[in-house]
Amino acid sequence: MPTVALIICALSFGGIMEKTGMLEVLARALLKRVKRTGSLVATTIFSCIGLNAIASDQYIAIVVPGRMYKNAFDERGLHPKNLSRCLEDAGTLSSPLIPWNSCGAFMHATLGVNPLLYLPFAFLNLLTPLVSLFYGYTGITMEKVKESD
């Protein structure tokens, strides 16, 4: 039950941040230095990982950056699936690696193994954000929105 309460509190926190305009201010500050698609992808990925560490919840680390960077991806004419991929590559896959995150705590409670001990063996979790960064900087798989969409 404490995990469910943590998730509800985290999502409430995200809603408050959005409705009070904090997300917009934060996004503007983070996007000041973004010049290319690669730096937008990097900002999205590092925001997800940072929020996983700070907010201690995977859902907030996906929803908040998704809302923050949606307009930036739209302005560049990038298909929404690019944003979705970045959020999943960083937000979902970094979550079990952070011991105080709800996913890391669940893994520890269920398996009895501290996430820092299985971190060196979590190849998918470590390499996928790097591949996403590569895609962002090279433009590979970064699909644009078609006129018919």
N, C-alpha and C. Protein backbone atom coordinates (compact mmCIF):
# COMPACT_ATOMS: atom_id res chain seq x y z
N MET A 1 0.80 -1.21 0.00
CA MET A 1 0.00 0.00 0.00
C MET A 1 0.85 1.28 0.00
N PRO A 2 2.01 1.30 0.68
CA PRO A 2 2.81 2.53 0.67
C PRO A 2 3.28 2.92 -0.74
N THR A 3 3.51 1.92 -1.60
CA THR A 3 3.94 2.22 -2.97
C THR A 3 2.82 2.92 -3.73
N VAL A 4 1.60 2.47 -3.55
CA VAL A 4 0.45 3.10 -4.21
C VAL A 4 0.29 4.54 -3.72
N ALA A 5 0.46 4.75 -2.43
CA ALA A 5 0.36 6.11 -1.88
C ALA A 5 1.44 7.01 -2.45
N LEU A 6 2.65 6.46 -2.62
CA LEU A 6 3.75 7.23 -3.21
C LEU A 6 3.42 7.63 -4.64
N ILE A 7 2.85 6.72 -5.41
CA ILE A 7 2.49 7.00 -6.80
C ILE A 7 1.41 8.09 -6.85
N ILE A 8 0.41 7.99 -6.00
CA ILE A 8 -0.67 8.98 -5.98
C ILE A 8 -0.12 10.36 -5.60
N CYS A 9 0.75 10.40 -4.61
CA CYS A 9 1.36 11.68 -4.20
C CYS A 9 2.21 12.26 -5.32
N ALA A 10 2.97 11.41 -5.99
CA ALA A 10 3.84 11.88 -7.07
C ALA A 10 3.02 12.45 -8.22
N LEU A 11 1.95 11.78 -8.59
CA LEU A 11 1.11 12.27 -9.68
C LEU A 11 0.38 13.56 -9.27
N SER A 12 -0.01 13.66 -8.02
CA SER A 12 -0.63 14.90 -7.53
C SER A 12 0.37 16.04 -7.61
N PHE A 13 1.60 15.77 -7.24
CA PHE A 13 2.67 16.76 -7.32
C PHE A 13 2.85 17.24 -8.75
N GLY A 14 2.85 16.31 -9.70
CA GLY A 14 2.97 16.67 -11.12
C GLY A 14 1.82 17.54 -11.60
N GLY A 15 0.61 17.21 -11.16
CA GLY A 15 -0.56 18.01 -11.53
C GLY A 15 -0.49 19.42 -10.97
N ILE A 16 -0.05 19.53 -9.74
CA ILE A 16 0.10 20.86 -9.12
C ILE A 16 1.14 21.67 -9.87
N MET A 17 2.27 21.02 -10.22
CA MET A 17 3.32 21.73 -10.95
C MET A 17 2.82 22.24 -12.30
N GLU A 18 2.00 21.44 -12.96
CA GLU A 18 1.49 21.85 -14.27
C GLU A 18 0.48 22.99 -14.14
N LYS A 19 -0.47 22.86 -13.24
CA LYS A 19 -1.54 23.86 -13.11
C LYS A 19 -1.03 25.21 -12.59
N THR A 20 0.03 25.20 -11.81
CA THR A 20 0.57 26.46 -11.28
C THR A 20 1.56 27.12 -12.23
N GLY A 21 1.86 26.46 -13.34
CA GLY A 21 2.76 27.04 -14.33
C GLY A 21 4.24 26.77 -14.09
N MET A 22 4.54 25.99 -13.06
CA MET A 22 5.95 25.68 -12.77
C MET A 22 6.60 24.87 -13.89
N LEU A 23 5.84 23.97 -14.50
CA LEU A 23 6.40 23.16 -15.59
C LEU A 23 6.82 24.01 -16.77
N GLU A 24 6.00 25.00 -17.10
CA GLU A 24 6.31 25.87 -18.23
C GLU A 24 7.59 26.66 -17.97
N VAL A 25 7.73 27.19 -16.77
CA VAL A 25 8.93 27.95 -16.41
C VAL A 25 10.15 27.04 -16.44
N LEU A 26 10.01 25.86 -15.89
CA LEU A 26 11.11 24.90 -15.87
C LEU A 26 11.50 24.48 -17.28
N ALA A 27 10.51 24.21 -18.12
CA ALA A 27 10.78 23.81 -19.51
C ALA A 27 11.48 24.93 -20.26
N ARG A 28 11.02 26.16 -20.08
CA ARG A 28 11.66 27.29 -20.76
C ARG A 28 13.13 27.41 -20.36
N ALA A 29 13.40 27.26 -19.08
CA ALA A 29 14.79 27.36 -18.60
C ALA A 29 15.66 26.24 -19.16
N LEU A 30 15.11 25.04 -19.22
CA LEU A 30 15.89 23.90 -19.73
C LEU A 30 16.06 23.94 -21.24
N LEU A 31 15.10 24.53 -21.94
CA LEU A 31 15.15 24.55 -23.40
C LEU A 31 15.91 25.74 -23.97
N LYS A 32 16.39 26.64 -23.12
CA LYS A 32 17.13 27.81 -23.61
C LYS A 32 18.33 27.43 -24.45
N ARG A 33 19.02 26.39 -24.06
CA ARG A 33 20.25 25.99 -24.74
C ARG A 33 20.03 24.96 -25.84
N VAL A 34 18.81 24.52 -26.00
CA VAL A 34 18.51 23.50 -27.01
C VAL A 34 18.48 24.15 -28.39
N LYS A 35 19.37 23.69 -29.25
CA LYS A 35 19.46 24.24 -30.61
C LYS A 35 19.11 23.19 -31.67
N ARG A 36 19.41 21.94 -31.37
CA ARG A 36 19.21 20.87 -32.35
C ARG A 36 18.36 19.76 -31.74
N THR A 37 17.95 18.85 -32.60
CA THR A 37 17.14 17.73 -32.15
C THR A 37 17.89 16.89 -31.13
N GLY A 38 19.17 16.69 -31.34
CA GLY A 38 19.97 15.89 -30.42
C GLY A 38 19.99 16.46 -29.01
N SER A 39 20.11 17.77 -28.91
CA SER A 39 20.13 18.38 -27.58
C SER A 39 18.74 18.35 -26.94
N LEU A 40 17.69 18.36 -27.74
CA LEU A 40 16.34 18.21 -27.21
C LEU A 40 16.15 16.80 -26.64
N VAL A 41 16.62 15.81 -27.39
CA VAL A 41 16.53 14.42 -26.92
C VAL A 41 17.35 14.26 -25.64
N ALA A 42 18.55 14.82 -25.61
CA ALA A 42 19.40 14.72 -24.42
C ALA A 42 18.74 15.38 -23.21
N THR A 43 18.14 16.54 -23.42
CA THR A 43 17.46 17.24 -22.33
C THR A 43 16.30 16.40 -21.80
N THR A 44 15.55 15.79 -22.71
CA THR A 44 14.43 14.93 -22.32
C THR A 44 14.92 13.74 -21.51
N ILE A 45 15.96 13.09 -22.00
CA ILE A 45 16.49 11.89 -21.33
C ILE A 45 17.01 12.23 -19.93
N PHE A 46 17.81 13.29 -19.83
CA PHE A 46 18.38 13.63 -18.53
C PHE A 46 17.32 14.15 -17.56
N SER A 47 16.26 14.77 -18.09
CA SER A 47 15.15 15.19 -17.23
C SER A 47 14.44 13.98 -16.64
N CYS A 48 14.23 12.96 -17.47
CA CYS A 48 13.58 11.74 -16.98
C CYS A 48 14.40 11.07 -15.89
N ILE A 49 15.69 10.93 -16.14
CA ILE A 49 16.57 10.28 -15.16
C ILE A 49 16.63 11.11 -13.88
N GLY A 50 16.75 12.42 -14.03
CA GLY A 50 16.79 13.30 -12.86
C GLY A 50 15.51 13.24 -12.05
N LEU A 51 14.37 13.25 -12.73
CA LEU A 51 13.10 13.17 -12.02
C LEU A 51 12.91 11.81 -11.35
N ASN A 52 13.42 10.75 -11.97
CA ASN A 52 13.37 9.44 -11.32
C ASN A 52 14.11 9.48 -9.99
N ALA A 53 15.24 10.18 -9.97
CA ALA A 53 16.03 10.26 -8.75
C ALA A 53 15.40 11.21 -7.73
N ILE A 54 14.84 12.31 -8.20
CA ILE A 54 14.30 13.33 -7.29
C ILE A 54 12.90 12.98 -6.80
N ALA A 55 12.01 12.63 -7.73
CA ALA A 55 10.61 12.40 -7.38
C ALA A 55 10.35 10.98 -6.88
N SER A 56 11.29 10.09 -7.06
CA SER A 56 11.19 8.70 -6.58
C SER A 56 10.03 7.94 -7.18
N ASP A 57 9.62 8.31 -8.38
CA ASP A 57 8.51 7.59 -9.00
C ASP A 57 8.64 7.61 -10.51
N GLN A 58 8.49 6.44 -11.10
CA GLN A 58 8.61 6.29 -12.55
C GLN A 58 7.52 7.06 -13.29
N TYR A 59 6.32 7.06 -12.78
CA TYR A 59 5.21 7.71 -13.48
C TYR A 59 5.43 9.21 -13.61
N ILE A 60 5.90 9.82 -12.55
CA ILE A 60 6.14 11.27 -12.60
C ILE A 60 7.30 11.56 -13.53
N ALA A 61 8.28 10.65 -13.60
CA ALA A 61 9.44 10.84 -14.47
C ALA A 61 9.09 10.67 -15.94
N ILE A 62 7.93 10.13 -16.23
CA ILE A 62 7.48 10.00 -17.61
C ILE A 62 6.47 11.09 -17.95
N VAL A 63 5.50 11.30 -17.08
CA VAL A 63 4.41 12.24 -17.36
C VAL A 63 4.90 13.69 -17.38
N VAL A 64 5.69 14.09 -16.39
CA VAL A 64 6.11 15.49 -16.29
C VAL A 64 6.97 15.91 -17.48
N PRO A 65 8.05 15.18 -17.82
CA PRO A 65 8.82 15.58 -19.01
C PRO A 65 8.00 15.49 -20.30
N GLY A 66 7.08 14.54 -20.36
CA GLY A 66 6.22 14.43 -21.53
C GLY A 66 5.40 15.69 -21.74
N ARG A 67 4.85 16.21 -20.67
CA ARG A 67 4.07 17.45 -20.75
C ARG A 67 4.98 18.66 -21.00
N MET A 68 6.18 18.62 -20.41
CA MET A 68 7.10 19.76 -20.54
C MET A 68 7.63 19.92 -21.97
N TYR A 69 7.93 18.80 -22.62
CA TYR A 69 8.63 18.87 -23.91
C TYR A 69 7.74 18.60 -25.12
N LYS A 70 6.45 18.37 -24.90
CA LYS A 70 5.55 18.10 -26.02
C LYS A 70 5.59 19.22 -27.04
N ASN A 71 5.49 20.46 -26.59
CA ASN A 71 5.48 21.59 -27.52
C ASN A 71 6.81 21.74 -28.25
N ALA A 72 7.91 21.47 -27.58
CA ALA A 72 9.23 21.57 -28.22
C ALA A 72 9.37 20.55 -29.35
N PHE A 73 8.87 19.34 -29.13
CA PHE A 73 8.91 18.33 -30.19
C PHE A 73 7.98 18.73 -31.33
N ASP A 74 6.80 19.28 -30.98
CA ASP A 74 5.85 19.73 -32.01
C ASP A 74 6.44 20.86 -32.84
N GLU A 75 7.11 21.82 -32.19
CA GLU A 75 7.70 22.96 -32.91
C GLU A 75 8.76 22.52 -33.91
N ARG A 76 9.45 21.44 -33.62
CA ARG A 76 10.47 20.92 -34.52
C ARG A 76 9.88 20.00 -35.59
N GLY A 77 8.57 19.79 -35.53
CA GLY A 77 7.92 18.94 -36.51
C GLY A 77 8.19 17.46 -36.31
N LEU A 78 8.58 17.09 -35.10
CA LEU A 78 8.87 15.69 -34.80
C LEU A 78 7.60 14.95 -34.41
N HIS A 79 7.49 13.73 -34.90
CA HIS A 79 6.34 12.89 -34.59
C HIS A 79 6.32 12.62 -33.08
N PRO A 80 5.13 12.58 -32.47
CA PRO A 80 5.04 12.34 -31.02
C PRO A 80 5.67 11.02 -30.57
N LYS A 81 5.80 10.06 -31.48
CA LYS A 81 6.40 8.79 -31.07
C LYS A 81 7.88 8.96 -30.70
N ASN A 82 8.53 10.01 -31.21
CA ASN A 82 9.91 10.28 -30.82
C ASN A 82 9.99 10.67 -29.35
N LEU A 83 9.08 11.52 -28.91
CA LEU A 83 9.03 11.91 -27.50
C LEU A 83 8.70 10.70 -26.64
N SER A 84 7.74 9.91 -27.09
CA SER A 84 7.35 8.72 -26.35
C SER A 84 8.54 7.77 -26.17
N ARG A 85 9.31 7.58 -27.23
CA ARG A 85 10.46 6.69 -27.16
C ARG A 85 11.50 7.22 -26.17
N CYS A 86 11.75 8.52 -26.21
CA CYS A 86 12.72 9.12 -25.27
C CYS A 86 12.27 8.94 -23.82
N LEU A 87 10.98 9.15 -23.58
CA LEU A 87 10.45 9.01 -22.23
C LEU A 87 10.58 7.58 -21.72
N GLU A 88 10.29 6.63 -22.59
CA GLU A 88 10.40 5.22 -22.19
C GLU A 88 11.85 4.79 -22.04
N ASP A 89 12.70 5.22 -22.97
CA ASP A 89 14.11 4.83 -22.93
C ASP A 89 14.78 5.30 -21.65
N ALA A 90 14.41 6.45 -21.15
CA ALA A 90 15.06 6.99 -19.96
C ALA A 90 14.19 6.86 -18.71
N GLY A 91 12.93 7.22 -18.80
CA GLY A 91 12.06 7.22 -17.63
C GLY A 91 11.76 5.83 -17.11
N THR A 92 11.42 4.92 -18.01
CA THR A 92 11.07 3.58 -17.59
C THR A 92 12.30 2.76 -17.23
N LEU A 93 13.32 2.84 -18.08
CA LEU A 93 14.46 1.95 -17.90
C LEU A 93 15.44 2.38 -16.81
N SER A 94 15.41 3.64 -16.42
CA SER A 94 16.30 4.06 -15.32
C SER A 94 15.64 3.85 -13.96
N SER A 95 14.35 3.67 -13.95
CA SER A 95 13.60 3.56 -12.69
C SER A 95 14.05 2.41 -11.79
N PRO A 96 14.23 1.19 -12.30
CA PRO A 96 14.63 0.11 -11.39
C PRO A 96 16.08 0.21 -10.91
N LEU A 97 16.85 1.13 -11.46
CA LEU A 97 18.25 1.27 -11.08
C LEU A 97 18.46 2.22 -9.92
N ILE A 98 17.43 2.94 -9.53
CA ILE A 98 17.53 3.93 -8.45
C ILE A 98 16.92 3.32 -7.19
N PRO A 99 17.74 3.06 -6.17
CA PRO A 99 17.27 2.31 -5.00
C PRO A 99 16.07 2.92 -4.28
N TRP A 100 15.96 4.24 -4.23
CA TRP A 100 14.86 4.87 -3.49
C TRP A 100 13.64 5.15 -4.37
N ASN A 101 13.72 4.80 -5.65
CA ASN A 101 12.58 4.93 -6.55
C ASN A 101 11.59 3.80 -6.23
N SER A 102 10.31 4.01 -6.53
CA SER A 102 9.32 2.97 -6.22
C SER A 102 9.65 1.65 -6.91
N CYS A 103 10.16 1.69 -8.14
CA CYS A 103 10.52 0.45 -8.83
C CYS A 103 11.75 -0.20 -8.20
N GLY A 104 12.76 0.60 -7.89
CA GLY A 104 13.95 0.07 -7.24
C GLY A 104 13.64 -0.52 -5.88
N ALA A 105 12.76 0.14 -5.13
CA ALA A 105 12.35 -0.36 -3.82
C ALA A 105 11.57 -1.66 -3.96
N PHE A 106 10.72 -1.75 -4.99
CA PHE A 106 9.98 -2.98 -5.23
C PHE A 106 10.92 -4.12 -5.58
N MET A 107 11.90 -3.85 -6.45
CA MET A 107 12.88 -4.88 -6.82
C MET A 107 13.64 -5.36 -5.58
N HIS A 108 14.03 -4.41 -4.75
CA HIS A 108 14.78 -4.75 -3.53
C HIS A 108 13.93 -5.60 -2.58
N ALA A 109 12.67 -5.21 -2.40
CA ALA A 109 11.79 -5.94 -1.50
C ALA A 109 11.45 -7.33 -2.04
N THR A 110 11.26 -7.42 -3.36
CA THR A 110 10.87 -8.69 -3.96
C THR A 110 12.04 -9.65 -4.10
N LEU A 111 13.15 -9.15 -4.63
CA LEU A 111 14.29 -10.01 -4.91
C LEU A 111 15.32 -10.05 -3.78
N GLY A 112 15.27 -9.06 -2.91
CA GLY A 112 16.24 -8.98 -1.83
C GLY A 112 17.62 -8.55 -2.31
N VAL A 113 17.67 -7.91 -3.48
CA VAL A 113 18.94 -7.46 -4.05
C VAL A 113 18.88 -5.94 -4.22
N ASN A 114 19.87 -5.27 -3.69
CA ASN A 114 19.96 -3.82 -3.84
C ASN A 114 20.19 -3.48 -5.32
N PRO A 115 19.46 -2.51 -5.87
CA PRO A 115 19.64 -2.14 -7.28
C PRO A 115 21.08 -1.79 -7.65
N LEU A 116 21.84 -1.27 -6.73
CA LEU A 116 23.23 -0.94 -7.04
C LEU A 116 24.07 -2.19 -7.29
N LEU A 117 23.62 -3.34 -6.77
CA LEU A 117 24.35 -4.58 -7.00
C LEU A 117 24.09 -5.16 -8.39
N TYR A 118 22.86 -4.99 -8.91
CA TYR A 118 22.60 -5.50 -10.25
C TYR A 118 22.81 -4.45 -11.34
N LEU A 119 23.13 -3.23 -10.95
CA LEU A 119 23.38 -2.15 -11.91
C LEU A 119 24.40 -2.52 -12.99
N PRO A 120 25.56 -3.11 -12.65
CA PRO A 120 26.54 -3.42 -13.71
C PRO A 120 26.05 -4.46 -14.72
N PHE A 121 25.01 -5.20 -14.38
CA PHE A 121 24.50 -6.24 -15.26
C PHE A 121 23.23 -5.82 -16.01
N ALA A 122 22.76 -4.63 -15.79
CA ALA A 122 21.53 -4.14 -16.41
C ALA A 122 21.86 -3.46 -17.74
N PHE A 123 22.31 -4.26 -18.69
CA PHE A 123 22.77 -3.72 -19.97
C PHE A 123 21.68 -2.97 -20.72
N LEU A 124 20.48 -3.53 -20.77
CA LEU A 124 19.37 -2.87 -21.47
C LEU A 124 19.09 -1.50 -20.85
N ASN A 125 19.04 -1.46 -19.54
CA ASN A 125 18.72 -0.21 -18.84
C ASN A 125 19.79 0.86 -19.05
N LEU A 126 21.04 0.45 -19.17
CA LEU A 126 22.14 1.39 -19.32
C LEU A 126 22.37 1.81 -20.76
N LEU A 127 22.20 0.88 -21.70
CA LEU A 127 22.53 1.16 -23.09
C LEU A 127 21.41 1.83 -23.87
N THR A 128 20.16 1.56 -23.54
CA THR A 128 19.05 2.11 -24.30
C THR A 128 19.02 3.64 -24.31
N PRO A 129 19.24 4.33 -23.18
CA PRO A 129 19.30 5.80 -23.25
C PRO A 129 20.45 6.30 -24.13
N LEU A 130 21.56 5.56 -24.15
CA LEU A 130 22.69 5.95 -25.00
C LEU A 130 22.34 5.80 -26.48
N VAL A 131 21.62 4.73 -26.81
CA VAL A 131 21.18 4.53 -28.19
C VAL A 131 20.20 5.64 -28.58
N SER A 132 19.33 6.02 -27.67
CA SER A 132 18.38 7.10 -27.94
C SER A 132 19.11 8.42 -28.18
N LEU A 133 20.16 8.68 -27.41
CA LEU A 133 20.99 9.88 -27.64
C LEU A 133 21.63 9.83 -29.02
N PHE A 134 22.13 8.67 -29.40
CA PHE A 134 22.73 8.49 -30.73
C PHE A 134 21.71 8.79 -31.81
N TYR A 135 20.50 8.26 -31.65
CA TYR A 135 19.43 8.52 -32.62
C TYR A 135 19.13 10.01 -32.71
N GLY A 136 19.06 10.67 -31.58
CA GLY A 136 18.74 12.10 -31.56
C GLY A 136 19.79 12.94 -32.26
N TYR A 137 21.05 12.64 -32.03
CA TYR A 137 22.12 13.45 -32.62
C TYR A 137 22.37 13.13 -34.09
N THR A 138 22.08 11.89 -34.51
CA THR A 138 22.29 11.53 -35.91
C THR A 138 21.03 11.72 -36.75
N GLY A 139 19.87 11.75 -36.11
CA GLY A 139 18.62 11.90 -36.84
C GLY A 139 18.03 10.57 -37.29
N ILE A 140 18.74 9.48 -37.01
CA ILE A 140 18.23 8.15 -37.38
C ILE A 140 16.96 7.88 -36.57
N THR A 141 15.94 7.43 -37.25
CA THR A 141 14.61 7.10 -36.69
C THR A 141 13.85 8.29 -36.12
N MET A 142 14.36 9.49 -36.27
CA MET A 142 13.65 10.67 -35.76
C MET A 142 12.65 11.13 -36.82
N GLU A 143 11.51 10.48 -36.81
CA GLU A 143 10.50 10.71 -37.85
C GLU A 143 9.81 12.07 -37.66
N LYS A 144 9.62 12.73 -38.78
CA LYS A 144 8.90 14.02 -38.79
C LYS A 144 7.41 13.75 -38.98
N VAL A 145 6.61 14.73 -38.60
CA VAL A 145 5.16 14.63 -38.80
C VAL A 145 4.88 14.85 -40.28
N LYS A 146 4.08 13.96 -40.84
CA LYS A 146 3.69 14.11 -42.25
C LYS A 146 2.51 15.06 -42.33
N GLU A 147 2.36 15.70 -43.47
CA GLU A 147 1.25 16.66 -43.67
C GLU A 147 -0.11 15.99 -43.48
N SER A 148 -0.23 14.70 -43.83
CA SER A 148 -1.51 14.01 -43.72
C SER A 148 -1.86 13.68 -42.27
N ASP A 149 -0.85 13.71 -41.35
CA ASP A 149 -1.11 13.42 -39.93
C ASP A 149 -1.74 14.62 -39.33
